[in-house]
Protein backbone atom coordinates (compact mmCIF):
# COMPACT_ATOMS: atom_id res chain seq x y z
CA MET A 1 2.22 -15.90 -15.07
CA ARG A 2 1.06 -14.40 -18.36
CA HIS A 3 -2.49 -13.66 -19.42
CA HIS A 4 -4.03 -12.59 -22.70
CA PRO A 5 -3.73 -8.76 -23.10
CA ALA A 6 -7.51 -8.35 -23.21
CA TYR A 7 -7.80 -10.31 -19.94
CA ARG A 8 -5.16 -8.17 -18.24
CA GLU A 9 -6.95 -5.04 -19.39
CA ARG A 10 -10.26 -6.24 -17.94
CA MET A 11 -8.57 -7.06 -14.63
CA SER A 12 -6.86 -3.66 -14.46
CA LYS A 13 -10.19 -1.86 -14.96
CA ARG A 14 -12.01 -3.80 -12.28
CA SER A 15 -13.05 -1.93 -9.18
CA PHE A 16 -12.57 -4.19 -6.16
CA SER A 17 -14.94 -3.91 -3.22
CA ILE A 18 -12.27 -5.30 -0.87
CA PRO A 19 -8.70 -3.92 -0.85
CA LEU A 20 -7.15 -6.78 1.14
CA VAL A 21 -8.09 -10.31 2.16
CA VAL A 22 -5.97 -12.18 4.74
CA LEU A 23 -6.13 -15.98 4.52
CA PHE A 24 -5.68 -17.55 7.94
CA GLU A 25 -6.26 -20.68 10.01
CA HIS A 26 -5.03 -19.80 13.53
CA PRO A 27 -6.99 -16.74 14.77
CA SER A 28 -4.81 -16.01 17.79
CA TRP A 29 -1.65 -15.93 15.67
CA GLN A 30 -3.19 -13.37 13.33
CA GLU A 31 -4.84 -11.07 15.86
CA PRO A 32 -1.76 -8.78 16.24
CA LEU A 33 -1.75 -8.27 12.46
CA PHE A 34 -5.50 -7.67 12.37
CA ALA A 35 -5.15 -5.14 15.20
CA ALA A 36 -2.35 -3.32 13.39
CA LEU A 37 -4.41 -3.19 10.18
CA ARG A 38 -7.38 -1.75 12.08
CA GLU A 39 -5.17 0.82 13.81
CA ALA A 40 -3.80 1.90 10.42
CA LYS A 41 -7.35 2.03 9.05
CA VAL A 42 -6.56 -0.43 6.29
CA ALA A 43 -9.80 -2.02 5.09
CA PHE A 44 -9.49 -5.78 4.98
CA GLU A 45 -11.44 -8.99 5.39
CA PRO A 46 -10.20 -12.12 7.18
CA PHE A 47 -10.79 -15.38 5.31
CA ASP A 48 -10.99 -18.39 7.64
CA LEU A 49 -9.57 -21.45 5.87
CA LYS A 50 -10.95 -23.94 8.40
CA SER A 51 -14.44 -23.91 6.87
CA ALA A 52 -14.58 -22.39 3.42
CA CYS A 53 -15.78 -22.74 -0.15
CA PHE A 54 -15.02 -21.17 -3.52
CA GLY A 55 -16.46 -21.63 -7.00
CA GLY A 56 -14.29 -22.63 -9.90
CA HIS A 57 -15.95 -19.82 -11.88
CA ASP A 58 -15.39 -17.15 -9.18
CA VAL A 59 -13.47 -13.99 -10.05
CA PRO A 60 -11.10 -12.36 -7.52
CA GLN A 61 -12.93 -10.06 -5.15
CA ALA A 62 -9.95 -8.31 -3.60
CA GLN A 63 -7.18 -6.08 -4.84
CA LEU A 64 -4.61 -8.09 -2.86
CA TYR A 65 -4.57 -11.40 -0.97
CA PHE A 66 -2.15 -12.23 1.86
CA ASN A 67 -1.65 -15.89 2.74
CA GLN A 68 -1.05 -16.69 6.40
CA ALA A 69 -1.95 -20.40 6.31
CA SER A 70 0.16 -22.71 8.43
CA PRO A 71 1.52 -26.20 7.64
CA SER A 72 1.04 -27.14 11.30
CA SER A 73 -2.75 -26.77 11.06
CA TYR A 74 -3.11 -30.57 11.08
CA VAL A 75 -1.91 -30.80 14.68
CA ARG A 76 -4.86 -28.56 15.65
CA GLY A 77 -7.41 -30.71 13.82
CA ASN A 78 -7.52 -28.33 10.86
CA ALA A 79 -5.76 -30.46 8.24
CA ARG A 80 -8.31 -29.58 5.56
CA SER A 81 -7.27 -25.93 5.58
CA VAL A 82 -3.94 -26.69 3.85
CA PRO A 83 -5.19 -28.33 0.62
CA PHE A 84 -7.99 -25.79 0.47
CA ALA A 85 -5.55 -22.88 0.83
CA LEU A 86 -3.33 -24.26 -1.92
CA ALA A 87 -6.25 -24.88 -4.31
CA PHE A 88 -7.80 -21.47 -3.56
CA MET A 89 -4.55 -19.60 -4.17
CA GLU A 90 -3.89 -21.46 -7.41
CA ASN A 91 -7.40 -20.54 -8.53
CA LEU A 92 -6.88 -16.89 -7.59
CA GLU A 93 -3.51 -16.70 -9.33
CA LEU A 94 -4.81 -18.29 -12.52
CA ALA A 95 -7.60 -15.70 -12.45
CA GLY A 96 -5.00 -12.93 -12.33
CA ALA A 97 -5.09 -12.06 -8.62
CA ARG A 98 -2.02 -11.03 -6.65
CA VAL A 99 -1.39 -13.33 -3.68
CA LEU A 100 1.45 -12.54 -1.29
CA ASN A 101 3.13 -15.74 -0.12
CA GLY A 102 1.02 -17.47 -2.74
CA SER A 103 0.87 -21.05 -3.97
CA ARG A 104 4.55 -21.42 -4.87
CA PRO A 105 5.98 -20.16 -1.54
CA PHE A 106 3.31 -22.09 0.35
CA ALA A 107 4.14 -25.30 -1.51
CA LEU A 108 7.79 -24.76 -0.57
CA GLU A 109 6.88 -24.34 3.09
CA LEU A 110 4.76 -27.49 2.96
CA SER A 111 7.63 -29.68 1.76
CA LYS A 112 10.85 -30.15 3.68
CA SER A 113 12.12 -32.30 0.79
CA THR A 114 11.61 -29.40 -1.64
CA GLN A 115 13.42 -27.08 0.76
CA VAL A 116 16.35 -29.50 0.76
CA ALA A 117 16.32 -29.58 -3.05
CA LEU A 118 16.25 -25.79 -3.26
CA MET A 119 19.18 -25.37 -0.91
CA GLN A 120 21.08 -28.09 -2.79
CA LYS A 121 20.51 -26.16 -6.02
CA LEU A 122 21.65 -22.88 -4.43
CA GLY A 123 24.76 -24.47 -2.91
CA ILE A 124 23.66 -23.54 0.61
CA PRO A 125 24.75 -25.94 3.40
CA HIS A 126 21.83 -28.02 4.68
CA PRO A 127 21.35 -31.30 6.56
CA ARG A 128 21.97 -34.51 4.63
CA SER A 129 18.47 -35.92 4.17
CA PHE A 130 16.71 -39.10 3.08
CA ILE A 131 13.06 -38.89 2.05
CA PHE A 132 11.03 -42.10 2.35
CA ASN A 133 7.53 -43.60 2.48
CA ASP A 134 8.51 -46.98 3.92
CA PRO A 135 11.21 -47.61 6.57
CA LYS A 136 12.15 -50.83 4.79
CA ALA A 137 13.30 -48.73 1.83
CA LEU A 138 15.87 -47.06 4.08
CA ARG A 139 17.58 -50.42 4.56
CA ALA A 140 18.83 -50.25 0.97
CA ARG A 141 20.67 -47.00 1.87
CA GLU A 142 21.76 -48.15 5.31
CA SER A 143 25.47 -47.78 4.53
CA GLU A 144 24.90 -44.06 3.86
CA LEU A 145 23.00 -43.35 7.06
CA THR A 146 24.55 -41.83 10.15
CA PHE A 147 23.10 -41.84 13.65
CA PRO A 148 21.81 -40.25 15.73
CA ALA A 149 19.44 -38.71 13.20
CA ILE A 150 16.27 -36.62 13.23
CA LEU A 151 12.98 -38.08 12.03
CA LYS A 152 10.59 -35.39 10.86
CA PRO A 153 7.43 -35.07 8.73
CA ASN A 154 7.76 -33.70 5.22
CA GLN A 155 4.95 -31.27 6.05
CA GLY A 156 6.24 -29.99 9.34
CA GLY A 157 5.31 -27.07 11.53
CA SER A 158 6.00 -25.93 15.10
CA GLY A 159 8.34 -28.85 15.66
CA ALA A 160 5.48 -31.34 15.51
CA ARG A 161 6.23 -35.08 15.37
CA MET A 162 10.01 -34.79 15.36
CA TYR A 163 12.16 -37.40 17.08
CA LYS A 164 15.84 -38.04 17.58
CA VAL A 165 16.54 -41.71 16.76
CA GLU A 166 19.66 -43.76 17.41
CA ASN A 167 19.32 -46.47 14.75
CA LEU A 168 16.99 -47.95 12.13
CA ASN A 169 15.51 -50.45 14.57
CA GLU A 170 14.39 -47.62 16.84
CA LEU A 171 12.93 -45.76 13.85
CA GLU A 172 10.98 -48.82 12.67
CA HIS A 173 9.64 -49.45 16.17
CA LEU A 174 8.60 -45.81 16.52
CA LEU A 175 6.63 -45.86 13.27
CA ALA A 176 5.07 -49.24 14.05
CA THR A 177 3.80 -48.06 17.44
CA GLN A 178 2.87 -44.53 16.35
CA PRO A 179 1.49 -44.80 12.78
CA GLU A 180 0.01 -41.31 13.10
CA LEU A 181 3.53 -39.97 12.56
CA TRP A 182 3.00 -40.58 8.84
CA LEU A 183 0.35 -37.87 8.78
CA PRO A 184 -0.49 -35.62 7.10
CA ASP A 185 1.12 -36.56 3.77
CA ASN A 186 2.64 -40.04 4.37
CA LEU A 187 6.12 -38.79 3.64
CA LEU A 188 8.98 -38.57 6.15
CA LEU A 189 12.57 -37.36 6.30
CA LEU A 190 15.49 -38.91 8.10
CA GLN A 191 17.83 -36.00 8.49
CA GLU A 192 21.38 -35.57 9.69
CA TYR A 193 21.56 -34.67 13.37
CA LEU A 194 23.44 -31.40 13.79
CA PRO A 195 25.33 -31.27 17.09
CA HIS A 196 25.55 -27.74 18.47
CA GLU A 197 26.04 -25.98 21.77
CA PRO A 198 22.63 -25.78 23.52
CA GLU A 199 23.41 -22.35 24.96
CA ASN A 200 23.90 -21.01 21.42
CA GLY A 201 20.54 -22.24 20.18
CA ILE A 202 19.52 -21.56 16.59
CA ILE A 203 19.26 -18.38 14.54
CA ARG A 204 16.06 -17.25 12.86
CA LEU A 205 16.11 -14.49 10.25
CA GLU A 206 12.82 -12.74 9.47
CA PHE A 207 12.41 -11.17 6.04
CA LEU A 208 9.84 -8.72 4.72
CA GLY A 209 9.71 -7.78 1.05
CA GLY A 210 13.04 -9.47 0.43
CA GLU A 211 14.92 -7.53 3.12
CA LEU A 212 15.98 -8.57 6.61
CA LEU A 213 13.50 -7.37 9.23
CA TYR A 214 15.43 -8.69 12.22
CA ALA A 215 17.46 -11.65 13.43
CA MET A 216 17.04 -13.49 16.70
CA ARG A 217 18.67 -16.30 18.61
CA VAL A 218 16.32 -18.98 19.94
CA ILE A 219 17.57 -21.02 22.89
CA ALA A 220 15.32 -23.95 23.75
CA PRO A 221 17.26 -26.96 25.08
CA GLY A 222 15.53 -30.24 24.35
CA GLN A 223 12.75 -28.66 22.30
CA PHE A 224 11.76 -28.86 18.66
CA ASN A 225 8.90 -26.37 18.99
CA LEU A 226 10.63 -23.07 18.25
CA CYS A 227 7.53 -21.18 17.12
CA PRO A 228 8.20 -17.52 17.97
CA SER A 229 4.55 -16.65 18.53
CA GLU A 230 3.89 -15.35 22.04
CA ILE A 231 0.84 -17.63 22.04
CA CYS A 232 3.15 -20.65 21.86
CA HIS A 233 5.92 -19.21 24.00
CA PRO A 234 4.65 -16.36 26.23
CA GLU A 235 7.12 -13.84 27.54
CA SER A 236 8.56 -14.76 30.94
CA GLY A 237 5.95 -14.21 33.64
CA SER A 238 3.15 -13.40 31.19
CA LYS A 239 0.08 -15.39 30.29
CA ASN A 240 -1.77 -15.90 27.05
CA PRO A 241 -4.67 -13.47 26.56
CA ASP A 242 -8.02 -14.73 27.76
CA GLY A 243 -9.68 -16.72 25.03
CA ALA A 244 -6.50 -17.11 22.98
CA GLU A 245 -6.06 -20.38 21.14
CA VAL A 246 -3.00 -21.80 22.84
CA CYS A 247 -0.35 -23.87 21.13
CA VAL A 248 -1.19 -27.57 21.20
CA ILE A 249 2.51 -28.50 21.10
CA GLN A 250 3.37 -27.90 24.70
CA PRO A 251 6.74 -26.29 25.46
CA ALA A 252 9.21 -28.10 27.69
CA ALA A 253 9.61 -27.33 31.36
CA VAL A 254 12.46 -24.92 30.57
CA ALA A 255 11.08 -21.86 28.82
CA ALA A 256 12.47 -21.03 25.41
CA LYS A 257 14.41 -17.77 25.07
CA PHE A 258 13.98 -15.48 22.06
CA LEU A 259 16.81 -12.97 21.97
CA PRO A 260 17.62 -10.16 19.51
CA TYR A 261 20.70 -10.94 17.43
CA PRO A 262 22.00 -7.71 15.87
CA GLU A 263 25.45 -9.19 15.21
CA VAL A 264 24.16 -11.78 12.71
CA PRO A 265 26.91 -12.41 10.10
CA LYS A 266 26.36 -10.68 6.75
CA GLU A 267 27.20 -13.91 4.95
CA ALA A 268 24.33 -15.70 6.72
CA VAL A 269 21.93 -12.92 5.76
CA GLU A 270 23.00 -13.11 2.12
CA GLN A 271 22.57 -16.88 2.05
CA ALA A 272 19.11 -16.58 3.56
CA LYS A 273 18.26 -13.88 1.02
CA GLN A 274 19.06 -16.34 -1.75
CA ILE A 275 16.51 -18.76 -0.33
CA ILE A 276 13.90 -16.01 0.05
CA LYS A 277 14.41 -14.84 -3.53
CA ALA A 278 14.52 -18.29 -5.11
CA GLY A 279 11.46 -19.40 -3.13
CA LYS A 280 9.63 -16.16 -4.05
CA LEU A 281 8.66 -15.54 -0.43
CA ASP A 282 7.18 -12.10 0.24
CA VAL A 283 7.35 -12.65 4.01
CA GLY A 284 9.30 -15.45 5.63
CA GLY A 285 11.62 -16.80 8.27
CA ILE A 286 14.80 -18.76 7.57
CA GLU A 287 16.49 -20.83 10.29
CA TYR A 288 20.06 -22.02 10.62
CA LEU A 289 22.43 -23.17 13.31
CA ASP A 290 26.16 -23.21 13.88
CA THR A 291 27.34 -26.76 14.50
CA SER A 292 29.92 -27.83 17.06
CA ASP A 293 32.39 -28.56 14.25
CA GLY A 294 32.14 -25.01 12.86
CA ARG A 295 29.59 -25.36 10.07
CA ARG A 296 26.69 -22.98 9.37
CA VAL A 297 23.76 -25.16 8.28
CA PHE A 298 20.36 -23.91 7.08
CA TYR A 299 17.50 -26.27 7.81
CA ASP A 300 14.06 -24.61 7.70
CA VAL A 301 12.01 -22.26 5.51
CA ASN A 302 8.90 -20.62 6.98
CA ALA A 303 6.44 -18.68 4.86
CA ASN A 304 4.09 -18.05 7.78
CA SER A 305 6.15 -15.87 10.08
CA ASN A 306 4.94 -15.46 13.65
CA LEU A 307 6.77 -12.27 14.52
CA ARG A 308 8.07 -11.62 18.03
CA PRO A 309 7.22 -8.07 19.23
CA SER A 310 9.69 -8.13 22.12
CA VAL A 311 12.57 -8.97 19.76
CA ALA A 312 11.60 -6.32 17.21
CA ALA A 313 11.25 -3.78 20.04
CA ALA A 314 14.95 -4.25 20.77
CA PHE A 315 15.58 -3.00 17.23
CA GLY A 316 13.22 -0.05 17.76
CA PHE A 317 10.04 -0.97 15.91
CA ASP A 318 6.77 -2.91 16.01
CA PRO A 319 6.97 -5.82 13.52
CA PHE A 320 3.27 -5.84 12.72
CA GLN A 321 3.31 -2.13 11.92
CA ARG A 322 6.14 -2.87 9.49
CA VAL A 323 4.05 -5.60 7.85
CA VAL A 324 1.11 -3.19 7.54
CA GLN A 325 3.38 -0.58 5.96
CA TYR A 326 4.54 -3.21 3.49
CA LEU A 327 0.96 -4.25 2.70
CA LYS A 328 0.00 -0.62 2.13
CA ARG A 329 2.86 -0.22 -0.35
CA GLU A 330 1.79 -3.38 -2.16
CA LEU A 331 -1.81 -2.15 -2.28
CA ALA A 332 -0.64 1.17 -3.71
CA GLY A 333 1.38 -0.69 -6.33
CA GLU A 334 -1.62 -2.79 -7.29
CA ALA A 335 -3.81 0.30 -7.55
CA SER A 336 -1.30 2.00 -9.84
CA GLY A 337 -0.79 -1.13 -11.92
CA VAL A 338 2.84 -1.47 -10.84
CA ARG A 339 3.75 -4.85 -9.37
CA ARG A 340 6.96 -5.74 -7.61
CA VAL A 341 9.12 -8.04 -9.69
CA GLY A 342 10.84 -10.85 -7.79
């Protein structure tokens, strides 16, 4: 984004009262980050997207903004936070503010169809997908469809409202009896079902500042909710902290396993890096799986990364401390007038 030289000069000379603002919707997800920021004595202000307002004439109040909004907010009754977050970030960016995981990465996370298009452009293997707003329209492409298939919302999150369907009749019946599945954006995907060995699970790669933070294997037979937050999937034998906002998408009876995966193939990391770079994600998680017929298929892009401390500990570090270190470097770059290009 380019601004008039005089505008850039005014922005560079501004003294901000707030170094960092963190945009959030799910307080329990963000508490480990907030705690790490406090421990590092980084001054910041949380900005709750659930009930908020901004003026179209407002000027940025912070040196740096960090977006931690979640597409799955609608399953918690907080659907309004998503359009607000997108509008607010666009306003901030047009005013010259720096927003990590800003409007473009967030828009990518909000749209599975855009993720498919990006991976198609990059030549990265991904599930064959059909995007539709009326099941009748799928009938015209029926000869191209294969079953079983996965029905999922375009604006997904935490595995919400995903179903495995065996044919078009089952899909039409499902949507007729559960019209709420069209929410929040009235756009759905019918996506190729990817058979894989349940004991192998899926692989999630977490990136920070364009570099791999860690990789983990997630084994959760029969589940679509693979959110790595310990609020959603507590460690074995542990309980959520008192007062924590628990995940509304209940895990299955068999607990999901989140395992460190140090032997992740370099080729997979490089492919995921392409997605991170092209999507301009500052922080993000990329998911793929190895199919039973030997394919590596990437299927999900997450801008809001719920980091797993127990997995990072296996690699010898605290993930939230790493994020704070990254934020401090970005703040230093903003203060000096040097911005990362990417």
